[in-house]
Amino acid sequence: MPDLYTNADRKNGYITTANRHGIITKYPIMTISIAVVTNEYRCIINHIQIGEIAAELKKKAKAIDGSVYVKDRRKQMTGGHQIL
């Protein structure tokens, strides 16, 4: 994504432009955070569980600077207990 910005904007780490109220504002260079939910290591019961796992992973991804992805690698043991 950095190629979408000018050299000056990349060097600054932000762009400056008017917001929807016409006030000049600094916006950081765009990044992307991806949360990967998979049934590779555990059984997923329903779509609600997928949403809950995705929300946890998204929170973790957003806490890391820059463009990142996080994947759920937690494993399920017999009886439903998880290994983290």
PDB file of N, CA and C in Angstrom:
ATOM      1  N   MET A   1       0.784  -1.203   0.000  1.00  0.00           N
ATOM      2  CA  MET A   1       0.000   0.000   0.000  1.00  0.00           C
ATOM      3  C   MET A   1       0.832   1.277   0.000  1.00  0.00           C
ATOM      4  N   PRO A   2       2.050   1.231   0.492  1.00  0.00           N
ATOM      5  CA  PRO A   2       2.833   2.467   0.495  1.00  0.00           C
ATOM      6  C   PRO A   2       3.009   3.073  -0.895  1.00  0.00           C
ATOM      7  N   ASP A   3       2.980   2.257  -1.939  1.00  0.00           N
ATOM      8  CA  ASP A   3       3.139   2.785  -3.294  1.00  0.00           C
ATOM      9  C   ASP A   3       1.985   3.689  -3.711  1.00  0.00           C
ATOM     10  N   LEU A   4       0.896   3.675  -2.964  1.00  0.00           N
ATOM     11  CA  LEU A   4      -0.250   4.540  -3.267  1.00  0.00           C
ATOM     12  C   LEU A   4      -0.036   5.964  -2.766  1.00  0.00           C
ATOM     13  N   TYR A   5       1.042   6.187  -2.039  1.00  0.00           N
ATOM     14  CA  TYR A   5       1.305   7.488  -1.434  1.00  0.00           C
ATOM     15  C   TYR A   5       2.547   8.129  -2.052  1.00  0.00           C
ATOM     16  N   THR A   6       2.646   9.442  -1.919  1.00  0.00           N
ATOM     17  CA  THR A   6       3.830  10.156  -2.403  1.00  0.00           C
ATOM     18  C   THR A   6       5.001   9.859  -1.468  1.00  0.00           C
ATOM     19  N   ASN A   7       6.200  10.137  -1.952  1.00  0.00           N
ATOM     20  CA  ASN A   7       7.390   9.938  -1.116  1.00  0.00           C
ATOM     21  C   ASN A   7       7.303  10.765   0.156  1.00  0.00           C
ATOM     22  N   ALA A   8       6.823  12.002   0.036  1.00  0.00           N
ATOM     23  CA  ALA A   8       6.714  12.884   1.210  1.00  0.00           C
ATOM     24  C   ALA A   8       5.730  12.314   2.231  1.00  0.00           C
ATOM     25  N   ASP A   9       4.589  11.813   1.754  1.00  0.00           N
ATOM     26  CA  ASP A   9       3.596  11.230   2.666  1.00  0.00           C
ATOM     27  C   ASP A   9       4.150   9.986   3.356  1.00  0.00           C
ATOM     28  N   ARG A  10       4.856   9.149   2.613  1.00  0.00           N
ATOM     29  CA  ARG A  10       5.456   7.951   3.213  1.00  0.00           C
ATOM     30  C   ARG A  10       6.485   8.335   4.273  1.00  0.00           C
ATOM     31  N   LYS A  11       7.285   9.350   3.964  1.00  0.00           N
ATOM     32  CA  LYS A  11       8.306   9.800   4.910  1.00  0.00           C
ATOM     33  C   LYS A  11       7.653  10.340   6.183  1.00  0.00           C
ATOM     34  N   ASN A  12       6.572  11.107   6.019  1.00  0.00           N
ATOM     35  CA  ASN A  12       5.855  11.662   7.176  1.00  0.00           C
ATOM     36  C   ASN A  12       5.113  10.585   7.958  1.00  0.00           C
ATOM     37  N   GLY A  13       4.647   9.549   7.253  1.00  0.00           N
ATOM     38  CA  GLY A  13       3.847   8.511   7.895  1.00  0.00           C
ATOM     39  C   GLY A  13       2.373   8.846   7.949  1.00  0.00           C
ATOM     40  N   TYR A  14       1.981   9.911   7.252  1.00  0.00           N
ATOM     41  CA  TYR A  14       0.571  10.319   7.223  1.00  0.00           C
ATOM     42  C   TYR A  14       0.311  11.205   6.009  1.00  0.00           C
ATOM     43  N   ILE A  15      -0.987  11.410   5.731  1.00  0.00           N
ATOM     44  CA  ILE A  15      -1.395  12.395   4.728  1.00  0.00           C
ATOM     45  C   ILE A  15      -2.161  13.493   5.450  1.00  0.00           C
ATOM     46  N   THR A  16      -2.200  14.658   4.862  1.00  0.00           N
ATOM     47  CA  THR A  16      -2.944  15.781   5.414  1.00  0.00           C
ATOM     48  C   THR A  16      -4.012  16.170   4.411  1.00  0.00           C
ATOM     49  N   THR A  17      -5.252  16.194   4.867  1.00  0.00           N
ATOM     50  CA  THR A  17      -6.370  16.559   3.995  1.00  0.00           C
ATOM     51  C   THR A  17      -7.544  17.036   4.843  1.00  0.00           C
ATOM     52  N   ALA A  18      -8.512  17.644   4.195  1.00  0.00           N
ATOM     53  CA  ALA A  18      -9.692  18.128   4.912  1.00  0.00           C
ATOM     54  C   ALA A  18     -10.615  16.950   5.228  1.00  0.00           C
ATOM     55  N   ASN A  19     -11.140  16.942   6.448  1.00  0.00           N
ATOM     56  CA  ASN A  19     -12.120  15.917   6.797  1.00  0.00           C
ATOM     57  C   ASN A  19     -13.500  16.345   6.295  1.00  0.00           C
ATOM     58  N   ARG A  20     -14.530  15.599   6.608  1.00  0.00           N
ATOM     59  CA  ARG A  20     -15.871  15.911   6.072  1.00  0.00           C
ATOM     60  C   ARG A  20     -16.444  17.220   6.594  1.00  0.00           C
ATOM     61  N   HIS A  21     -15.808  17.777   7.631  1.00  0.00           N
ATOM     62  CA  HIS A  21     -16.247  19.063   8.164  1.00  0.00           C
ATOM     63  C   HIS A  21     -15.374  20.215   7.664  1.00  0.00           C
ATOM     64  N   GLY A  22     -14.444  19.888   6.759  1.00  0.00           N
ATOM     65  CA  GLY A  22     -13.578  20.907   6.186  1.00  0.00           C
ATOM     66  C   GLY A  22     -12.367  21.251   7.034  1.00  0.00           C
ATOM     67  N   ILE A  23     -12.138  20.507   8.102  1.00  0.00           N
ATOM     68  CA  ILE A  23     -11.004  20.761   8.988  1.00  0.00           C
ATOM     69  C   ILE A  23      -9.806  19.936   8.511  1.00  0.00           C
ATOM     70  N   ILE A  24      -8.656  20.611   8.350  1.00  0.00           N
ATOM     71  CA  ILE A  24      -7.449  19.916   7.912  1.00  0.00           C
ATOM     72  C   ILE A  24      -7.025  18.929   9.005  1.00  0.00           C
ATOM     73  N   THR A  25      -6.847  17.679   8.607  1.00  0.00           N
ATOM     74  CA  THR A  25      -6.571  16.597   9.554  1.00  0.00           C
ATOM     75  C   THR A  25      -5.463  15.707   9.023  1.00  0.00           C
ATOM     76  N   LYS A  26      -4.667  15.152   9.939  1.00  0.00           N
ATOM     77  CA  LYS A  26      -3.636  14.181   9.568  1.00  0.00           C
ATOM     78  C   LYS A  26      -4.229  12.777   9.686  1.00  0.00           C
ATOM     79  N   TYR A  27      -4.042  11.975   8.634  1.00  0.00           N
ATOM     80  CA  TYR A  27      -4.495  10.588   8.622  1.00  0.00           C
ATOM     81  C   TYR A  27      -3.286   9.679   8.414  1.00  0.00           C
ATOM     82  N   PRO A  28      -3.169   8.611   9.222  1.00  0.00           N
ATOM     83  CA  PRO A  28      -2.014   7.719   9.059  1.00  0.00           C
ATOM     84  C   PRO A  28      -2.059   6.975   7.729  1.00  0.00           C
ATOM     85  N   ILE A  29      -0.889   6.528   7.294  1.00  0.00           N
ATOM     86  CA  ILE A  29      -0.795   5.694   6.092  1.00  0.00           C
ATOM     87  C   ILE A  29      -1.661   4.447   6.325  1.00  0.00           C
ATOM     88  N   MET A  30      -2.400   4.058   5.319  1.00  0.00           N
ATOM     89  CA  MET A  30      -3.321   2.946   5.436  1.00  0.00           C
ATOM     90  C   MET A  30      -2.591   1.629   5.687  1.00  0.00           C
ATOM     91  N   THR A  31      -3.185   0.820   6.552  1.00  0.00           N
ATOM     92  CA  THR A  31      -2.691  -0.528   6.812  1.00  0.00           C
ATOM     93  C   THR A  31      -3.880  -1.480   6.738  1.00  0.00           C
ATOM     94  N   ILE A  32      -3.612  -2.761   6.756  1.00  0.00           N
ATOM     95  CA  ILE A  32      -4.676  -3.756   6.740  1.00  0.00           C
ATOM     96  C   ILE A  32      -4.391  -4.788   7.829  1.00  0.00           C
ATOM     97  N   SER A  33      -5.439  -5.178   8.526  1.00  0.00           N
ATOM     98  CA  SER A  33      -5.351  -6.212   9.553  1.00  0.00           C
ATOM     99  C   SER A  33      -6.308  -7.327   9.157  1.00  0.00           C
ATOM    100  N   ILE A  34      -5.790  -8.544   9.092  1.00  0.00           N
ATOM    101  CA  ILE A  34      -6.591  -9.685   8.668  1.00  0.00           C
ATOM    102  C   ILE A  34      -6.622 -10.722   9.790  1.00  0.00           C
ATOM    103  N   ALA A  35      -7.817 -11.222  10.085  1.00  0.00           N
ATOM    104  CA  ALA A  35      -8.004 -12.282  11.072  1.00  0.00           C
ATOM    105  C   ALA A  35      -8.413 -13.543  10.321  1.00  0.00           C
ATOM    106  N   VAL A  36      -7.669 -14.629  10.538  1.00  0.00           N
ATOM    107  CA  VAL A  36      -7.936 -15.891   9.848  1.00  0.00           C
ATOM    108  C   VAL A  36      -8.543 -16.884  10.847  1.00  0.00           C
ATOM    109  N   VAL A  37      -9.793 -17.257  10.592  1.00  0.00           N
ATOM    110  CA  VAL A  37     -10.477 -18.251  11.417  1.00  0.00           C
ATOM    111  C   VAL A  37     -10.552 -19.536  10.605  1.00  0.00           C
ATOM    112  N   THR A  38     -10.127 -20.631  11.218  1.00  0.00           N
ATOM    113  CA  THR A  38     -10.097 -21.898  10.502  1.00  0.00           C
ATOM    114  C   THR A  38     -10.515 -23.033  11.430  1.00  0.00           C
ATOM    115  N   ASN A  39     -10.978 -24.108  10.830  1.00  0.00           N
ATOM    116  CA  ASN A  39     -11.298 -25.302  11.615  1.00  0.00           C
ATOM    117  C   ASN A  39     -10.158 -26.328  11.518  1.00  0.00           C
ATOM    118  N   GLU A  40      -8.986 -25.848  11.177  1.00  0.00           N
ATOM    119  CA  GLU A  40      -7.814 -26.708  11.010  1.00  0.00           C
ATOM    120  C   GLU A  40      -7.433 -27.429  12.301  1.00  0.00           C
ATOM    121  N   TYR A  41      -7.551 -26.744  13.435  1.00  0.00           N
ATOM    122  CA  TYR A  41      -7.113 -27.310  14.704  1.00  0.00           C
ATOM    123  C   TYR A  41      -8.236 -27.617  15.685  1.00  0.00           C
ATOM    124  N   ARG A  42      -9.447 -27.165  15.375  1.00  0.00           N
ATOM    125  CA  ARG A  42     -10.561 -27.428  16.273  1.00  0.00           C
ATOM    126  C   ARG A  42     -11.878 -27.388  15.528  1.00  0.00           C
ATOM    127  N   CYS A  43     -12.860 -27.997  16.136  1.00  0.00           N
ATOM    128  CA  CYS A  43     -14.194 -28.057  15.540  1.00  0.00           C
ATOM    129  C   CYS A  43     -14.915 -26.735  15.781  1.00  0.00           C
ATOM    130  N   ILE A  44     -15.474 -26.189  14.730  1.00  0.00           N
ATOM    131  CA  ILE A  44     -16.273 -24.976  14.863  1.00  0.00           C
ATOM    132  C   ILE A  44     -17.738 -25.385  14.745  1.00  0.00           C
ATOM    133  N   ILE A  45     -18.507 -24.998  15.728  1.00  0.00           N
ATOM    134  CA  ILE A  45     -19.892 -25.438  15.853  1.00  0.00           C
ATOM    135  C   ILE A  45     -20.846 -24.646  14.949  1.00  0.00           C
ATOM    136  N   ASN A  46     -20.706 -23.306  14.912  1.00  0.00           N
ATOM    137  CA  ASN A  46     -21.659 -22.480  14.171  1.00  0.00           C
ATOM    138  C   ASN A  46     -21.046 -21.122  13.796  1.00  0.00           C
ATOM    139  N   HIS A  47     -21.817 -20.343  13.084  1.00  0.00           N
ATOM    140  CA  HIS A  47     -21.351 -19.035  12.615  1.00  0.00           C
ATOM    141  C   HIS A  47     -21.135 -18.052  13.759  1.00  0.00           C
ATOM    142  N   ILE A  48     -21.835 -18.215  14.853  1.00  0.00           N
ATOM    143  CA  ILE A  48     -21.647 -17.325  16.000  1.00  0.00           C
ATOM    144  C   ILE A  48     -20.244 -17.517  16.575  1.00  0.00           C
ATOM    145  N   GLN A  49     -19.804 -18.754  16.677  1.00  0.00           N
ATOM    146  CA  GLN A  49     -18.459 -19.044  17.169  1.00  0.00           C
ATOM    147  C   GLN A  49     -17.406 -18.446  16.238  1.00  0.00           C
ATOM    148  N   ILE A  50     -17.643 -18.534  14.940  1.00  0.00           N
ATOM    149  CA  ILE A  50     -16.711 -17.931  13.973  1.00  0.00           C
ATOM    150  C   ILE A  50     -16.588 -16.432  14.220  1.00  0.00           C
ATOM    151  N   GLY A  51     -17.721 -15.779  14.417  1.00  0.00           N
ATOM    152  CA  GLY A  51     -17.713 -14.333  14.684  1.00  0.00           C
ATOM    153  C   GLY A  51     -16.971 -13.978  15.958  1.00  0.00           C
ATOM    154  N   GLU A  52     -17.167 -14.779  16.994  1.00  0.00           N
ATOM    155  CA  GLU A  52     -16.491 -14.528  18.270  1.00  0.00           C
ATOM    156  C   GLU A  52     -14.978 -14.697  18.136  1.00  0.00           C
ATOM    157  N   ILE A  53     -14.565 -15.754  17.456  1.00  0.00           N
ATOM    158  CA  ILE A  53     -13.128 -15.985  17.243  1.00  0.00           C
ATOM    159  C   ILE A  53     -12.544 -14.853  16.405  1.00  0.00           C
ATOM    160  N   ALA A  54     -13.242 -14.470  15.355  1.00  0.00           N
ATOM    161  CA  ALA A  54     -12.764 -13.387  14.481  1.00  0.00           C
ATOM    162  C   ALA A  54     -12.619 -12.085  15.258  1.00  0.00           C
ATOM    163  N   ALA A  55     -13.558 -11.788  16.148  1.00  0.00           N
ATOM    164  CA  ALA A  55     -13.481 -10.561  16.949  1.00  0.00           C
ATOM    165  C   ALA A  55     -12.249 -10.574  17.852  1.00  0.00           C
ATOM    166  N   GLU A  56     -11.955 -11.726  18.477  1.00  0.00           N
ATOM    167  CA  GLU A  56     -10.761 -11.847  19.318  1.00  0.00           C
ATOM    168  C   GLU A  56      -9.495 -11.613  18.507  1.00  0.00           C
ATOM    169  N   LEU A  57      -9.434 -12.258  17.341  1.00  0.00           N
ATOM    170  CA  LEU A  57      -8.247 -12.137  16.499  1.00  0.00           C
ATOM    171  C   LEU A  57      -8.081 -10.728  15.944  1.00  0.00           C
ATOM    172  N   LYS A  58      -9.196 -10.103  15.572  1.00  0.00           N
ATOM    173  CA  LYS A  58      -9.146  -8.736  15.047  1.00  0.00           C
ATOM    174  C   LYS A  58      -8.591  -7.785  16.106  1.00  0.00           C
ATOM    175  N   LYS A  59      -9.026  -7.950  17.345  1.00  0.00           N
ATOM    176  CA  LYS A  59      -8.530  -7.099  18.431  1.00  0.00           C
ATOM    177  C   LYS A  59      -7.017  -7.272  18.578  1.00  0.00           C
ATOM    178  N   LYS A  60      -6.556  -8.505  18.510  1.00  0.00           N
ATOM    179  CA  LYS A  60      -5.115  -8.772  18.604  1.00  0.00           C
ATOM    180  C   LYS A  60      -4.374  -8.139  17.426  1.00  0.00           C
ATOM    181  N   ALA A  61      -4.911  -8.299  16.207  1.00  0.00           N
ATOM    182  CA  ALA A  61      -4.267  -7.746  15.014  1.00  0.00           C
ATOM    183  C   ALA A  61      -4.187  -6.224  15.079  1.00  0.00           C
ATOM    184  N   LYS A  62      -5.249  -5.586  15.545  1.00  0.00           N
ATOM    185  CA  LYS A  62      -5.268  -4.120  15.611  1.00  0.00           C
ATOM    186  C   LYS A  62      -4.282  -3.576  16.633  1.00  0.00           C
ATOM    187  N   ALA A  63      -3.861  -4.408  17.598  1.00  0.00           N
ATOM    188  CA  ALA A  63      -2.902  -3.975  18.614  1.00  0.00           C
ATOM    189  C   ALA A  63      -1.473  -3.987  18.091  1.00  0.00           C
ATOM    190  N   ILE A  64      -1.272  -4.537  16.897  1.00  0.00           N
ATOM    191  CA  ILE A  64       0.055  -4.623  16.289  1.00  0.00           C
ATOM    192  C   ILE A  64       0.176  -3.541  15.217  1.00  0.00           C
ATOM    193  N   ASP A  65       1.260  -2.786  15.238  1.00  0.00           N
ATOM    194  CA  ASP A  65       1.461  -1.726  14.242  1.00  0.00           C
ATOM    195  C   ASP A  65       1.671  -2.298  12.847  1.00  0.00           C
ATOM    196  N   GLY A  66       1.205  -1.553  11.859  1.00  0.00           N
ATOM    197  CA  GLY A  66       1.428  -1.921  10.464  1.00  0.00           C
ATOM    198  C   GLY A  66       0.403  -2.915   9.953  1.00  0.00           C
ATOM    199  N   SER A  67       0.641  -3.402   8.749  1.00  0.00           N
ATOM    200  CA  SER A  67      -0.239  -4.394   8.126  1.00  0.00           C
ATOM    201  C   SER A  67       0.145  -5.780   8.641  1.00  0.00           C
ATOM    202  N   VAL A  68      -0.846  -6.491   9.170  1.00  0.00           N
ATOM    203  CA  VAL A  68      -0.578  -7.798   9.767  1.00  0.00           C
ATOM    204  C   VAL A  68      -1.728  -8.753   9.499  1.00  0.00           C
ATOM    205  N   TYR A  69      -1.451 -10.035   9.723  1.00  0.00           N
ATOM    206  CA  TYR A  69      -2.529 -11.016   9.788  1.00  0.00           C
ATOM    207  C   TYR A  69      -2.276 -11.890  11.003  1.00  0.00           C
ATOM    208  N   VAL A  70      -3.356 -12.331  11.609  1.00  0.00           N
ATOM    209  CA  VAL A  70      -3.259 -13.273  12.722  1.00  0.00           C
ATOM    210  C   VAL A  70      -4.154 -14.456  12.397  1.00  0.00           C
ATOM    211  N   LYS A  71      -3.689 -15.633  12.782  1.00  0.00           N
ATOM    212  CA  LYS A  71      -4.434 -16.858  12.510  1.00  0.00           C
ATOM    213  C   LYS A  71      -4.692 -17.572  13.824  1.00  0.00           C
ATOM    214  N   ASP A  72      -5.900 -18.074  13.980  1.00  0.00           N
ATOM    215  CA  ASP A  72      -6.250 -18.835  15.170  1.00  0.00           C
ATOM    216  C   ASP A  72      -5.553 -20.184  15.106  1.00  0.00           C
ATOM    217  N   ARG A  73      -4.662 -20.430  16.067  1.00  0.00           N
ATOM    218  CA  ARG A  73      -3.921 -21.694  16.107  1.00  0.00           C
ATOM    219  C   ARG A  73      -4.223 -22.486  17.369  1.00  0.00           C
ATOM    220  N   ARG A  74      -5.233 -22.044  18.086  1.00  0.00           N
ATOM    221  CA  ARG A  74      -5.593 -22.749  19.312  1.00  0.00           C
ATOM    222  C   ARG A  74      -6.117 -24.136  18.966  1.00  0.00           C
ATOM    223  N   LYS A  75      -5.711 -25.111  19.766  1.00  0.00           N
ATOM    224  CA  LYS A  75      -6.094 -26.504  19.508  1.00  0.00           C
ATOM    225  C   LYS A  75      -7.097 -26.974  20.547  1.00  0.00           C
ATOM    226  N   GLN A  76      -7.949 -27.849  20.125  1.00  0.00           N
ATOM    227  CA  GLN A  76      -8.968 -28.389  21.000  1.00  0.00           C
ATOM    228  C   GLN A  76      -8.576 -29.796  21.450  1.00  0.00           C
ATOM    229  N   MET A  77      -8.663 -30.022  22.741  1.00  0.00           N
ATOM    230  CA  MET A  77      -8.378 -31.340  23.284  1.00  0.00           C
ATOM    231  C   MET A  77      -9.691 -32.095  23.493  1.00  0.00           C
ATOM    232  N   THR A  78      -9.590 -33.336  23.850  1.00  0.00           N
ATOM    233  CA  THR A  78     -10.770 -34.122  24.179  1.00  0.00           C
ATOM    234  C   THR A  78     -11.503 -33.454  25.327  1.00  0.00           C
ATOM    235  N   GLY A  79     -12.797 -33.396  25.235  1.00  0.00           N
ATOM    236  CA  GLY A  79     -13.590 -32.770  26.270  1.00  0.00           C
ATOM    237  C   GLY A  79     -13.803 -31.285  26.058  1.00  0.00           C
ATOM    238  N   GLY A  80     -13.310 -30.758  24.948  1.00  0.00           N
ATOM    239  CA  GLY A  80     -13.571 -29.357  24.619  1.00  0.00           C
ATOM    240  C   GLY A  80     -12.587 -28.364  25.185  1.00  0.00           C
ATOM    241  N   HIS A  81     -11.585 -28.814  25.962  1.00  0.00           N
ATOM    242  CA  HIS A  81     -10.587 -27.894  26.492  1.00  0.00           C
ATOM    243  C   HIS A  81      -9.606 -27.500  25.402  1.00  0.00           C
ATOM    244  N   GLN A  82      -9.139 -26.271  25.468  1.00  0.00           N
ATOM    245  CA  GLN A  82      -8.248 -25.775  24.421  1.00  0.00           C
ATOM    246  C   GLN A  82      -6.815 -25.682  24.904  1.00  0.00           C
ATOM    247  N   ILE A  83      -5.901 -25.932  23.991  1.00  0.00           N
ATOM    248  CA  ILE A  83      -4.472 -25.682  24.222  1.00  0.00           C
ATOM    249  C   ILE A  83      -4.163 -24.369  23.520  1.00  0.00           C
ATOM    250  N   LEU A  84      -3.644 -23.418  24.245  1.00  0.00           N
ATOM    251  CA  LEU A  84      -3.333 -22.119  23.639  1.00  0.00           C
ATOM    252  C   LEU A  84      -1.900 -22.044  23.209  1.00  0.00           C
TER     253      LEU A  84
END
